[in-house]
């Protein structure tokens, strides 16, 4: 019985983690399009900073933020 619970729990946890990661990509992409043009309007107008980012760029930023957060968390412990 305990083995059945564990077998069902692991895929559910994996799907939850993937969903959380996709949600973080969506939030990052939406926040970028909402905040960056307001903070840097001149840079966006001249093309120095992208006003909108692609899903691939959002993925790269999420990975970078995860790595930096992991390093900061590791140094605190």
N, C-alpha and C. Protein backbone atom coordinates (compact mmCIF):
# COMPACT_ATOMS: atom_id res chain seq x y z
N UNK A 1 0.81 -1.19 0.00
CA UNK A 1 0.00 0.00 0.00
C UNK A 1 0.86 1.26 0.00
N UNK A 2 1.90 1.27 0.81
CA UNK A 2 2.78 2.44 0.89
C UNK A 2 3.50 2.67 -0.43
N UNK A 3 3.86 1.58 -1.13
CA UNK A 3 4.56 1.71 -2.41
C UNK A 3 3.64 2.34 -3.45
N UNK A 4 2.36 2.02 -3.43
CA UNK A 4 1.39 2.61 -4.37
C UNK A 4 1.27 4.11 -4.15
N UNK A 5 1.29 4.53 -2.91
CA UNK A 5 1.18 5.96 -2.61
C UNK A 5 2.42 6.69 -3.13
N UNK A 6 3.58 6.12 -2.92
CA UNK A 6 4.82 6.74 -3.39
C UNK A 6 4.86 6.78 -4.91
N UNK A 7 4.43 5.72 -5.56
CA UNK A 7 4.42 5.68 -7.02
C UNK A 7 3.48 6.74 -7.59
N UNK A 8 2.38 7.00 -6.93
CA UNK A 8 1.45 8.03 -7.38
C UNK A 8 1.90 9.44 -7.01
N UNK A 9 2.66 9.56 -5.94
CA UNK A 9 3.09 10.87 -5.45
C UNK A 9 4.20 11.47 -6.30
N UNK A 10 5.14 10.65 -6.76
CA UNK A 10 6.29 11.15 -7.50
C UNK A 10 5.89 11.79 -8.83
N UNK A 11 5.06 11.16 -9.67
CA UNK A 11 4.65 11.85 -10.91
C UNK A 11 3.84 13.12 -10.64
N UNK A 12 3.03 13.10 -9.60
CA UNK A 12 2.26 14.30 -9.25
C UNK A 12 3.16 15.45 -8.85
N UNK A 13 4.20 15.14 -8.09
CA UNK A 13 5.17 16.15 -7.69
C UNK A 13 5.93 16.68 -8.90
N UNK A 14 6.27 15.80 -9.82
CA UNK A 14 6.98 16.19 -11.04
C UNK A 14 6.11 17.11 -11.89
N UNK A 15 4.85 16.77 -12.06
CA UNK A 15 3.92 17.60 -12.84
C UNK A 15 3.72 18.95 -12.16
N UNK A 16 3.64 18.95 -10.84
CA UNK A 16 3.50 20.20 -10.10
C UNK A 16 4.72 21.10 -10.30
N UNK A 17 5.92 20.52 -10.28
CA UNK A 17 7.15 21.29 -10.48
C UNK A 17 7.20 21.88 -11.89
N UNK A 18 6.80 21.10 -12.89
CA UNK A 18 6.78 21.60 -14.26
C UNK A 18 5.76 22.73 -14.39
N UNK A 19 4.60 22.56 -13.80
CA UNK A 19 3.59 23.61 -13.83
C UNK A 19 4.05 24.89 -13.16
N UNK A 20 4.75 24.75 -12.05
CA UNK A 20 5.28 25.91 -11.35
C UNK A 20 6.34 26.62 -12.19
N UNK A 21 7.16 25.85 -12.89
CA UNK A 21 8.19 26.44 -13.75
C UNK A 21 7.56 27.18 -14.92
N UNK A 22 6.55 26.59 -15.55
CA UNK A 22 5.86 27.25 -16.66
C UNK A 22 5.16 28.52 -16.17
N UNK A 23 4.59 28.47 -14.99
CA UNK A 23 3.95 29.66 -14.41
C UNK A 23 4.99 30.76 -14.16
N UNK A 24 6.17 30.38 -13.71
CA UNK A 24 7.22 31.38 -13.49
C UNK A 24 7.66 32.01 -14.81
N UNK A 25 7.70 31.21 -15.89
CA UNK A 25 8.04 31.77 -17.20
C UNK A 25 6.99 32.77 -17.64
N UNK A 26 5.74 32.43 -17.45
CA UNK A 26 4.64 33.32 -17.83
C UNK A 26 4.69 34.62 -17.03
N UNK A 27 4.91 34.52 -15.74
CA UNK A 27 4.98 35.71 -14.89
C UNK A 27 6.17 36.58 -15.29
N UNK A 28 7.31 35.96 -15.56
CA UNK A 28 8.50 36.70 -15.97
C UNK A 28 8.26 37.43 -17.29
N UNK A 29 7.65 36.75 -18.24
CA UNK A 29 7.38 37.35 -19.54
C UNK A 29 6.39 38.51 -19.42
N UNK A 30 5.33 38.34 -18.65
CA UNK A 30 4.34 39.40 -18.49
C UNK A 30 4.90 40.59 -17.71
N UNK A 31 5.66 40.32 -16.65
CA UNK A 31 6.23 41.41 -15.88
C UNK A 31 7.25 42.21 -16.69
N UNK A 32 8.00 41.52 -17.54
CA UNK A 32 8.98 42.22 -18.38
C UNK A 32 8.26 43.20 -19.31
N UNK A 33 7.21 42.73 -19.98
CA UNK A 33 6.47 43.57 -20.92
C UNK A 33 5.75 44.71 -20.20
N UNK A 34 5.44 44.55 -18.94
CA UNK A 34 4.71 45.57 -18.19
C UNK A 34 5.65 46.58 -17.53
N UNK A 35 6.78 46.12 -16.99
CA UNK A 35 7.63 46.98 -16.17
C UNK A 35 8.75 47.65 -16.97
N UNK A 36 9.45 46.91 -17.80
CA UNK A 36 10.64 47.43 -18.47
C UNK A 36 10.33 48.64 -19.35
N UNK A 37 9.27 48.64 -20.18
CA UNK A 37 9.00 49.85 -20.97
C UNK A 37 8.66 51.07 -20.11
N UNK A 38 8.13 50.87 -18.90
CA UNK A 38 7.85 52.00 -18.01
C UNK A 38 9.11 52.53 -17.35
N UNK A 39 10.04 51.65 -17.02
CA UNK A 39 11.27 52.07 -16.34
C UNK A 39 12.26 52.68 -17.33
N UNK A 40 12.39 52.07 -18.50
CA UNK A 40 13.36 52.52 -19.51
C UNK A 40 12.67 52.88 -20.83
N UNK A 41 11.82 53.89 -20.86
CA UNK A 41 11.10 54.18 -22.11
C UNK A 41 12.01 54.63 -23.24
N UNK A 42 13.02 55.42 -22.92
CA UNK A 42 13.94 55.88 -23.96
C UNK A 42 14.78 54.75 -24.53
N UNK A 43 15.23 53.86 -23.67
CA UNK A 43 16.04 52.73 -24.13
C UNK A 43 15.22 51.76 -24.97
N UNK A 44 13.96 51.58 -24.61
CA UNK A 44 13.09 50.71 -25.40
C UNK A 44 12.79 51.36 -26.74
N UNK A 45 12.57 52.68 -26.75
CA UNK A 45 12.26 53.38 -28.00
C UNK A 45 13.43 53.35 -28.97
N UNK A 46 14.65 53.45 -28.47
CA UNK A 46 15.82 53.42 -29.35
C UNK A 46 16.30 52.00 -29.65
N UNK A 47 15.74 51.02 -28.97
CA UNK A 47 16.10 49.63 -29.24
C UNK A 47 17.24 49.09 -28.40
N UNK A 48 17.65 49.84 -27.38
CA UNK A 48 18.74 49.36 -26.51
C UNK A 48 18.28 48.23 -25.59
N UNK A 49 17.01 48.29 -25.19
CA UNK A 49 16.43 47.26 -24.32
C UNK A 49 15.16 46.76 -24.99
N UNK A 50 14.97 45.46 -24.97
CA UNK A 50 13.77 44.87 -25.59
C UNK A 50 12.54 45.19 -24.76
N UNK A 51 11.49 45.63 -25.43
CA UNK A 51 10.23 45.90 -24.74
C UNK A 51 9.48 44.63 -24.42
N UNK A 52 9.62 43.63 -25.27
CA UNK A 52 9.00 42.32 -25.06
C UNK A 52 10.08 41.27 -25.28
N UNK A 53 9.98 40.18 -24.54
CA UNK A 53 10.95 39.10 -24.68
C UNK A 53 10.25 37.84 -25.17
N UNK A 54 11.02 36.97 -25.80
CA UNK A 54 10.47 35.71 -26.30
C UNK A 54 10.39 34.69 -25.16
N UNK A 55 9.73 33.57 -25.46
CA UNK A 55 9.64 32.50 -24.46
C UNK A 55 11.02 31.92 -24.18
N UNK A 56 11.87 31.85 -25.19
CA UNK A 56 13.22 31.30 -25.01
C UNK A 56 14.05 32.23 -24.10
N UNK A 57 13.94 33.53 -24.31
CA UNK A 57 14.64 34.48 -23.46
C UNK A 57 14.10 34.42 -22.03
N UNK A 58 12.81 34.26 -21.90
CA UNK A 58 12.21 34.10 -20.58
C UNK A 58 12.74 32.85 -19.88
N UNK A 59 12.91 31.78 -20.63
CA UNK A 59 13.49 30.54 -20.08
C UNK A 59 14.91 30.78 -19.60
N UNK A 60 15.71 31.48 -20.40
CA UNK A 60 17.09 31.76 -20.01
C UNK A 60 17.16 32.64 -18.77
N UNK A 61 16.29 33.63 -18.69
CA UNK A 61 16.26 34.48 -17.50
C UNK A 61 15.82 33.71 -16.26
N UNK A 62 14.85 32.82 -16.41
CA UNK A 62 14.39 32.01 -15.28
C UNK A 62 15.51 31.10 -14.78
N UNK A 63 16.26 30.51 -15.70
CA UNK A 63 17.38 29.66 -15.30
C UNK A 63 18.45 30.48 -14.59
N UNK A 64 18.74 31.68 -15.11
CA UNK A 64 19.73 32.55 -14.49
C UNK A 64 19.30 32.97 -13.09
N UNK A 65 18.04 33.33 -12.92
CA UNK A 65 17.53 33.72 -11.61
C UNK A 65 17.58 32.54 -10.64
N UNK A 66 17.29 31.34 -11.13
CA UNK A 66 17.37 30.14 -10.29
C UNK A 66 18.79 29.88 -9.82
N UNK A 67 19.75 30.02 -10.73
CA UNK A 67 21.16 29.79 -10.37
C UNK A 67 21.62 30.82 -9.35
N UNK A 68 21.31 32.09 -9.59
CA UNK A 68 21.72 33.14 -8.66
C UNK A 68 21.05 32.94 -7.30
N UNK A 69 19.77 32.59 -7.30
CA UNK A 69 19.07 32.33 -6.04
C UNK A 69 19.66 31.14 -5.30
N UNK A 70 20.08 30.12 -6.04
CA UNK A 70 20.71 28.96 -5.41
C UNK A 70 22.04 29.31 -4.78
N UNK A 71 22.82 30.15 -5.46
CA UNK A 71 24.11 30.56 -4.91
C UNK A 71 23.91 31.40 -3.65
N UNK A 72 22.97 32.32 -3.69
CA UNK A 72 22.70 33.16 -2.52
C UNK A 72 22.19 32.31 -1.36
N UNK A 73 21.30 31.37 -1.65
CA UNK A 73 20.78 30.49 -0.61
C UNK A 73 21.84 29.57 -0.04
N UNK A 74 22.78 29.14 -0.88
CA UNK A 74 23.85 28.26 -0.42
C UNK A 74 24.80 29.02 0.50
N UNK A 75 25.07 30.27 0.20
CA UNK A 75 25.99 31.05 1.03
C UNK A 75 25.39 31.36 2.39
N UNK A 76 24.07 31.48 2.48
CA UNK A 76 23.42 31.78 3.76
C UNK A 76 23.42 30.58 4.70
N UNK A 77 23.40 29.37 4.13
CA UNK A 77 23.32 28.19 5.00
C UNK A 77 24.67 27.67 5.41
